[in-house]
Amino acid sequence: TFSRDNANNTMYLQMNSLKPEDTAVYYC
């Protein structure tokens, strides 16, 4: 789930049910 907090100038990526194939470097 991708979300953001405009008041704090921050965005988030909530990652659930992670799998080994999700292994990576993540970039915003």
PDB file of all heavy atoms in Angstrom:
ATOM      1  N   THR A   1       0.832  -1.184   0.000  1.00  0.00           N
ATOM      2  CA  THR A   1       0.000   0.000   0.000  1.00  0.00           C
ATOM      3  C   THR A   1       0.878   1.250   0.000  1.00  0.00           C
ATOM      4  O   THR A   1       1.748   1.400   0.856  1.00  0.00           O
ATOM      5  CB  THR A   1      -0.935   0.043   1.218  1.00  0.00           C
ATOM      6  OG1 THR A   1      -1.755  -1.131   1.240  1.00  0.00           O
ATOM      7  CG2 THR A   1      -1.841   1.271   1.143  1.00  0.00           C
ATOM      8  N   PHE A   2       0.643   2.124  -0.955  1.00  0.00           N
ATOM      9  CA  PHE A   2       1.366   3.378  -1.091  1.00  0.00           C
ATOM     10  C   PHE A   2       0.506   4.493  -0.487  1.00  0.00           C
ATOM     11  O   PHE A   2      -0.654   4.650  -0.873  1.00  0.00           O
ATOM     12  CB  PHE A   2       1.640   3.642  -2.576  1.00  0.00           C
ATOM     13  CG  PHE A   2       2.490   4.836  -2.908  1.00  0.00           C
ATOM     14  CD1 PHE A   2       3.198   5.523  -1.943  1.00  0.00           C
ATOM     15  CD2 PHE A   2       2.595   5.271  -4.224  1.00  0.00           C
ATOM     16  CE1 PHE A   2       3.985   6.625  -2.258  1.00  0.00           C
ATOM     17  CE2 PHE A   2       3.379   6.364  -4.560  1.00  0.00           C
ATOM     18  CZ  PHE A   2       4.071   7.040  -3.577  1.00  0.00           C
ATOM     19  N   SER A   3       1.074   5.243   0.433  1.00  0.00           N
ATOM     20  CA  SER A   3       0.358   6.350   1.040  1.00  0.00           C
ATOM     21  C   SER A   3       1.310   7.523   1.237  1.00  0.00           C
ATOM     22  O   SER A   3       2.520   7.384   1.073  1.00  0.00           O
ATOM     23  CB  SER A   3      -0.275   5.940   2.374  1.00  0.00           C
ATOM     24  OG  SER A   3       0.715   5.568   3.315  1.00  0.00           O
ATOM     25  N   ARG A   4       0.752   8.666   1.588  1.00  0.00           N
ATOM     26  CA  ARG A   4       1.592   9.832   1.839  1.00  0.00           C
ATOM     27  C   ARG A   4       0.983  10.712   2.907  1.00  0.00           C
ATOM     28  O   ARG A   4      -0.229  10.711   3.111  1.00  0.00           O
ATOM     29  CB  ARG A   4       1.865  10.627   0.559  1.00  0.00           C
ATOM     30  CG  ARG A   4       0.684  11.408  -0.027  1.00  0.00           C
ATOM     31  CD  ARG A   4      -0.267  10.521  -0.770  1.00  0.00           C
ATOM     32  NE  ARG A   4      -1.135  11.281  -1.663  1.00  0.00           N
ATOM     33  CZ  ARG A   4      -2.256  10.820  -2.185  1.00  0.00           C
ATOM     34  NH1 ARG A   4      -2.661   9.575  -1.915  1.00  0.00           N
ATOM     35  NH2 ARG A   4      -2.984  11.585  -2.999  1.00  0.00           N
ATOM     36  N   ASP A   5       1.841  11.452   3.564  1.00  0.00           N
ATOM     37  CA  ASP A   5       1.448  12.406   4.584  1.00  0.00           C
ATOM     38  C   ASP A   5       1.908  13.770   4.086  1.00  0.00           C
ATOM     39  O   ASP A   5       3.075  14.127   4.222  1.00  0.00           O
ATOM     40  CB  ASP A   5       2.081  12.059   5.925  1.00  0.00           C
ATOM     41  CG  ASP A   5       1.642  12.977   7.043  1.00  0.00           C
ATOM     42  OD1 ASP A   5       1.079  14.054   6.775  1.00  0.00           O
ATOM     43  OD2 ASP A   5       1.871  12.617   8.216  1.00  0.00           O
ATOM     44  N   ASN A   6       1.000  14.508   3.489  1.00  0.00           N
ATOM     45  CA  ASN A   6       1.357  15.792   2.903  1.00  0.00           C
ATOM     46  C   ASN A   6       1.867  16.786   3.949  1.00  0.00           C
ATOM     47  O   ASN A   6       2.766  17.580   3.667  1.00  0.00           O
ATOM     48  CB  ASN A   6       0.160  16.393   2.175  1.00  0.00           C
ATOM     49  CG  ASN A   6      -0.202  15.650   0.902  1.00  0.00           C
ATOM     50  OD1 ASN A   6       0.581  14.837   0.393  1.00  0.00           O
ATOM     51  ND2 ASN A   6      -1.375  15.916   0.375  1.00  0.00           N
ATOM     52  N   ALA A   7       1.299  16.747   5.144  1.00  0.00           N
ATOM     53  CA  ALA A   7       1.689  17.688   6.183  1.00  0.00           C
ATOM     54  C   ALA A   7       3.139  17.504   6.602  1.00  0.00           C
ATOM     55  O   ALA A   7       3.806  18.460   6.988  1.00  0.00           O
ATOM     56  CB  ALA A   7       0.767  17.556   7.390  1.00  0.00           C
ATOM     57  N   ASN A   8       3.635  16.272   6.533  1.00  0.00           N
ATOM     58  CA  ASN A   8       5.000  15.975   6.950  1.00  0.00           C
ATOM     59  C   ASN A   8       5.931  15.694   5.776  1.00  0.00           C
ATOM     60  O   ASN A   8       7.075  15.288   5.983  1.00  0.00           O
ATOM     61  CB  ASN A   8       5.002  14.801   7.915  1.00  0.00           C
ATOM     62  CG  ASN A   8       4.370  15.142   9.243  1.00  0.00           C
ATOM     63  OD1 ASN A   8       4.886  15.976   9.984  1.00  0.00           O
ATOM     64  ND2 ASN A   8       3.241  14.513   9.543  1.00  0.00           N
ATOM     65  N   ASN A   9       5.442  15.895   4.562  1.00  0.00           N
ATOM     66  CA  ASN A   9       6.251  15.717   3.357  1.00  0.00           C
ATOM     67  C   ASN A   9       6.920  14.343   3.318  1.00  0.00           C
ATOM     68  O   ASN A   9       8.119  14.220   3.047  1.00  0.00           O
ATOM     69  CB  ASN A   9       7.298  16.821   3.240  1.00  0.00           C
ATOM     70  CG  ASN A   9       6.682  18.195   3.113  1.00  0.00           C
ATOM     71  OD1 ASN A   9       5.630  18.358   2.502  1.00  0.00           O
ATOM     72  ND2 ASN A   9       7.343  19.201   3.674  1.00  0.00           N
ATOM     73  N   THR A  10       6.132  13.335   3.595  1.00  0.00           N
ATOM     74  CA  THR A  10       6.641  11.974   3.659  1.00  0.00           C
ATOM     75  C   THR A  10       5.705  11.039   2.911  1.00  0.00           C
ATOM     76  O   THR A  10       4.484  11.170   3.006  1.00  0.00           O
ATOM     77  CB  THR A  10       6.780  11.500   5.113  1.00  0.00           C
ATOM     78  OG1 THR A  10       7.618  12.411   5.834  1.00  0.00           O
ATOM     79  CG2 THR A  10       7.388  10.111   5.175  1.00  0.00           C
ATOM     80  N   MET A  11       6.280  10.094   2.175  1.00  0.00           N
ATOM     81  CA  MET A  11       5.484   9.051   1.564  1.00  0.00           C
ATOM     82  C   MET A  11       5.939   7.693   2.082  1.00  0.00           C
ATOM     83  O   MET A  11       7.085   7.528   2.512  1.00  0.00           O
ATOM     84  CB  MET A  11       5.521   9.108   0.039  1.00  0.00           C
ATOM     85  CG  MET A  11       6.877   9.233  -0.592  1.00  0.00           C
ATOM     86  SD  MET A  11       6.693   9.551  -2.383  1.00  0.00           S
ATOM     87  CE  MET A  11       8.395   9.578  -2.890  1.00  0.00           C
ATOM     88  N   TYR A  12       5.023   6.729   2.038  1.00  0.00           N
ATOM     89  CA  TYR A  12       5.243   5.437   2.661  1.00  0.00           C
ATOM     90  C   TYR A  12       4.900   4.310   1.696  1.00  0.00           C
ATOM     91  O   TYR A  12       4.057   4.444   0.814  1.00  0.00           O
ATOM     92  CB  TYR A  12       4.363   5.285   3.903  1.00  0.00           C
ATOM     93  CG  TYR A  12       4.534   6.370   4.930  1.00  0.00           C
ATOM     94  CD1 TYR A  12       3.706   7.485   4.938  1.00  0.00           C
ATOM     95  CD2 TYR A  12       5.528   6.278   5.899  1.00  0.00           C
ATOM     96  CE1 TYR A  12       3.853   8.483   5.882  1.00  0.00           C
ATOM     97  CE2 TYR A  12       5.683   7.274   6.846  1.00  0.00           C
ATOM     98  CZ  TYR A  12       4.850   8.368   6.837  1.00  0.00           C
ATOM     99  OH  TYR A  12       5.011   9.354   7.776  1.00  0.00           O
ATOM    100  N   LEU A  13       5.555   3.197   1.915  1.00  0.00           N
ATOM    101  CA  LEU A  13       5.191   1.957   1.249  1.00  0.00           C
ATOM    102  C   LEU A  13       5.048   0.881   2.320  1.00  0.00           C
ATOM    103  O   LEU A  13       6.048   0.428   2.886  1.00  0.00           O
ATOM    104  CB  LEU A  13       6.230   1.542   0.215  1.00  0.00           C
ATOM    105  CG  LEU A  13       5.873   0.307  -0.611  1.00  0.00           C
ATOM    106  CD1 LEU A  13       4.695   0.601  -1.539  1.00  0.00           C
ATOM    107  CD2 LEU A  13       7.073  -0.168  -1.427  1.00  0.00           C
ATOM    108  N   GLN A  14       3.813   0.509   2.612  1.00  0.00           N
ATOM    109  CA  GLN A  14       3.538  -0.570   3.546  1.00  0.00           C
ATOM    110  C   GLN A  14       3.579  -1.883   2.790  1.00  0.00           C
ATOM    111  O   GLN A  14       2.838  -2.069   1.824  1.00  0.00           O
ATOM    112  CB  GLN A  14       2.171  -0.382   4.205  1.00  0.00           C
ATOM    113  CG  GLN A  14       1.780  -1.497   5.164  1.00  0.00           C
ATOM    114  CD  GLN A  14       2.653  -1.538   6.398  1.00  0.00           C
ATOM    115  OE1 GLN A  14       2.899  -0.508   7.011  1.00  0.00           O
ATOM    116  NE2 GLN A  14       3.124  -2.727   6.753  1.00  0.00           N
ATOM    117  N   MET A  15       4.435  -2.790   3.212  1.00  0.00           N
ATOM    118  CA  MET A  15       4.640  -4.057   2.524  1.00  0.00           C
ATOM    119  C   MET A  15       4.253  -5.189   3.465  1.00  0.00           C
ATOM    120  O   MET A  15       4.877  -5.380   4.512  1.00  0.00           O
ATOM    121  CB  MET A  15       6.091  -4.204   2.074  1.00  0.00           C
ATOM    122  CG  MET A  15       6.585  -3.051   1.213  1.00  0.00           C
ATOM    123  SD  MET A  15       8.275  -3.306   0.584  1.00  0.00           S
ATOM    124  CE  MET A  15       9.189  -3.283   2.129  1.00  0.00           C
ATOM    125  N   ASN A  16       3.232  -5.932   3.087  1.00  0.00           N
ATOM    126  CA  ASN A  16       2.750  -7.065   3.863  1.00  0.00           C
ATOM    127  C   ASN A  16       2.922  -8.349   3.068  1.00  0.00           C
ATOM    128  O   ASN A  16       3.084  -8.331   1.850  1.00  0.00           O
ATOM    129  CB  ASN A  16       1.277  -6.875   4.230  1.00  0.00           C
ATOM    130  CG  ASN A  16       1.025  -5.666   5.095  1.00  0.00           C
ATOM    131  OD1 ASN A  16       1.845  -5.296   5.929  1.00  0.00           O
ATOM    132  ND2 ASN A  16      -0.140  -5.038   4.902  1.00  0.00           N
ATOM    133  N   SER A  17       2.858  -9.466   3.769  1.00  0.00           N
ATOM    134  CA  SER A  17       2.971 -10.781   3.138  1.00  0.00           C
ATOM    135  C   SER A  17       4.179 -10.853   2.219  1.00  0.00           C
ATOM    136  O   SER A  17       4.096 -11.297   1.070  1.00  0.00           O
ATOM    137  CB  SER A  17       1.685 -11.108   2.369  1.00  0.00           C
ATOM    138  OG  SER A  17       0.563 -11.096   3.220  1.00  0.00           O
ATOM    139  N   LEU A  18       5.307 -10.427   2.728  1.00  0.00           N
ATOM    140  CA  LEU A  18       6.509 -10.342   1.912  1.00  0.00           C
ATOM    141  C   LEU A  18       6.982 -11.715   1.459  1.00  0.00           C
ATOM    142  O   LEU A  18       6.871 -12.706   2.184  1.00  0.00           O
ATOM    143  CB  LEU A  18       7.616  -9.629   2.680  1.00  0.00           C
ATOM    144  CG  LEU A  18       7.460  -8.104   2.734  1.00  0.00           C
ATOM    145  CD1 LEU A  18       8.305  -7.516   3.847  1.00  0.00           C
ATOM    146  CD2 LEU A  18       7.832  -7.489   1.387  1.00  0.00           C
ATOM    147  N   LYS A  19       7.507 -11.740   0.248  1.00  0.00           N
ATOM    148  CA  LYS A  19       8.018 -12.951  -0.374  1.00  0.00           C
ATOM    149  C   LYS A  19       9.500 -12.782  -0.681  1.00  0.00           C
ATOM    150  O   LYS A  19       9.969 -11.660  -0.861  1.00  0.00           O
ATOM    151  CB  LYS A  19       7.266 -13.237  -1.678  1.00  0.00           C
ATOM    152  CG  LYS A  19       5.757 -13.341  -1.537  1.00  0.00           C
ATOM    153  CD  LYS A  19       5.097 -13.485  -2.904  1.00  0.00           C
ATOM    154  CE  LYS A  19       3.589 -13.566  -2.783  1.00  0.00           C
ATOM    155  NZ  LYS A  19       2.942 -13.690  -4.123  1.00  0.00           N
ATOM    156  N   PRO A  20      10.246 -13.881  -0.774  1.00  0.00           N
ATOM    157  CA  PRO A  20      11.659 -13.755  -1.131  1.00  0.00           C
ATOM    158  C   PRO A  20      11.888 -12.984  -2.426  1.00  0.00           C
ATOM    159  O   PRO A  20      12.893 -12.274  -2.546  1.00  0.00           O
ATOM    160  CB  PRO A  20      12.122 -15.209  -1.252  1.00  0.00           C
ATOM    161  CG  PRO A  20      11.234 -15.943  -0.302  1.00  0.00           C
ATOM    162  CD  PRO A  20       9.892 -15.264  -0.421  1.00  0.00           C
ATOM    163  N   GLU A  21      10.976 -13.102  -3.380  1.00  0.00           N
ATOM    164  CA  GLU A  21      11.133 -12.394  -4.639  1.00  0.00           C
ATOM    165  C   GLU A  21      10.927 -10.887  -4.516  1.00  0.00           C
ATOM    166  O   GLU A  21      11.155 -10.150  -5.473  1.00  0.00           O
ATOM    167  CB  GLU A  21      10.193 -12.959  -5.716  1.00  0.00           C
ATOM    168  CG  GLU A  21       8.747 -13.089  -5.278  1.00  0.00           C
ATOM    169  CD  GLU A  21       8.398 -14.488  -4.804  1.00  0.00           C
ATOM    170  OE1 GLU A  21       9.187 -15.074  -4.042  1.00  0.00           O
ATOM    171  OE2 GLU A  21       7.331 -15.001  -5.196  1.00  0.00           O
ATOM    172  N   ASP A  22      10.502 -10.407  -3.352  1.00  0.00           N
ATOM    173  CA  ASP A  22      10.426  -8.977  -3.096  1.00  0.00           C
ATOM    174  C   ASP A  22      11.785  -8.387  -2.728  1.00  0.00           C
ATOM    175  O   ASP A  22      11.906  -7.162  -2.611  1.00  0.00           O
ATOM    176  CB  ASP A  22       9.437  -8.674  -1.974  1.00  0.00           C
ATOM    177  CG  ASP A  22       8.000  -9.014  -2.335  1.00  0.00           C
ATOM    178  OD1 ASP A  22       7.583  -8.742  -3.478  1.00  0.00           O
ATOM    179  OD2 ASP A  22       7.284  -9.548  -1.458  1.00  0.00           O
ATOM    180  N   THR A  23      12.778  -9.225  -2.529  1.00  0.00           N
ATOM    181  CA  THR A  23      14.113  -8.751  -2.186  1.00  0.00           C
ATOM    182  C   THR A  23      14.643  -7.834  -3.284  1.00  0.00           C
ATOM    183  O   THR A  23      14.698  -8.207  -4.452  1.00  0.00           O
ATOM    184  CB  THR A  23      15.063  -9.931  -1.976  1.00  0.00           C
ATOM    185  OG1 THR A  23      14.633 -10.687  -0.842  1.00  0.00           O
ATOM    186  CG2 THR A  23      16.487  -9.451  -1.743  1.00  0.00           C
ATOM    187  N   ALA A  24      15.022  -6.619  -2.894  1.00  0.00           N
ATOM    188  CA  ALA A  24      15.481  -5.624  -3.856  1.00  0.00           C
ATOM    189  C   ALA A  24      15.913  -4.375  -3.105  1.00  0.00           C
ATOM    190  O   ALA A  24      15.673  -4.241  -1.897  1.00  0.00           O
ATOM    191  CB  ALA A  24      14.364  -5.265  -4.844  1.00  0.00           C
ATOM    192  N   VAL A  25      16.532  -3.462  -3.826  1.00  0.00           N
ATOM    193  CA  VAL A  25      16.725  -2.112  -3.332  1.00  0.00           C
ATOM    194  C   VAL A  25      15.516  -1.293  -3.761  1.00  0.00           C
ATOM    195  O   VAL A  25      15.156  -1.279  -4.945  1.00  0.00           O
ATOM    196  CB  VAL A  25      18.017  -1.478  -3.869  1.00  0.00           C
ATOM    197  CG1 VAL A  25      18.155  -0.039  -3.384  1.00  0.00           C
ATOM    198  CG2 VAL A  25      19.228  -2.297  -3.438  1.00  0.00           C
ATOM    199  N   TYR A  26      14.888  -0.632  -2.816  1.00  0.00           N
ATOM    200  CA  TYR A  26      13.680   0.138  -3.078  1.00  0.00           C
ATOM    201  C   TYR A  26      14.014   1.625  -3.113  1.00  0.00           C
ATOM    202  O   TYR A  26      14.721   2.136  -2.237  1.00  0.00           O
ATOM    203  CB  TYR A  26      12.622  -0.141  -2.015  1.00  0.00           C
ATOM    204  CG  TYR A  26      11.950  -1.480  -2.191  1.00  0.00           C
ATOM    205  CD1 TYR A  26      12.627  -2.658  -1.910  1.00  0.00           C
ATOM    206  CD2 TYR A  26      10.639  -1.566  -2.664  1.00  0.00           C
ATOM    207  CE1 TYR A  26      12.022  -3.892  -2.094  1.00  0.00           C
ATOM    208  CE2 TYR A  26      10.032  -2.796  -2.844  1.00  0.00           C
ATOM    209  CZ  TYR A  26      10.721  -3.952  -2.560  1.00  0.00           C
ATOM    210  OH  TYR A  26      10.114  -5.176  -2.747  1.00  0.00           O
ATOM    211  N   TYR A  27      13.486   2.306  -4.125  1.00  0.00           N
ATOM    212  CA  TYR A  27      13.744   3.720  -4.346  1.00  0.00           C
ATOM    213  C   TYR A  27      12.433   4.501  -4.373  1.00  0.00           C
ATOM    214  O   TYR A  27      11.459   4.056  -4.967  1.00  0.00           O
ATOM    215  CB  TYR A  27      14.445   3.952  -5.685  1.00  0.00           C
ATOM    216  CG  TYR A  27      15.764   3.243  -5.848  1.00  0.00           C
ATOM    217  CD1 TYR A  27      15.824   1.945  -6.336  1.00  0.00           C
ATOM    218  CD2 TYR A  27      16.955   3.882  -5.531  1.00  0.00           C
ATOM    219  CE1 TYR A  27      17.032   1.297  -6.495  1.00  0.00           C
ATOM    220  CE2 TYR A  27      18.165   3.242  -5.687  1.00  0.00           C
ATOM    221  CZ  TYR A  27      18.200   1.951  -6.174  1.00  0.00           C
ATOM    222  OH  TYR A  27      19.406   1.318  -6.337  1.00  0.00           O
ATOM    223  N   CYS A  28      12.428   5.678  -3.767  1.00  0.00           N
ATOM    224  CA  CYS A  28      11.284   6.560  -3.919  1.00  0.00           C
ATOM    225  C   CYS A  28      11.589   7.604  -4.975  1.00  0.00           C
ATOM    226  O   CYS A  28      12.746   7.938  -5.243  1.00  0.00           O
ATOM    227  CB  CYS A  28      10.876   7.207  -2.592  1.00  0.00           C
ATOM    228  SG  CYS A  28      12.132   8.228  -1.788  1.00  0.00           S
TER     229      CYS A  28
END
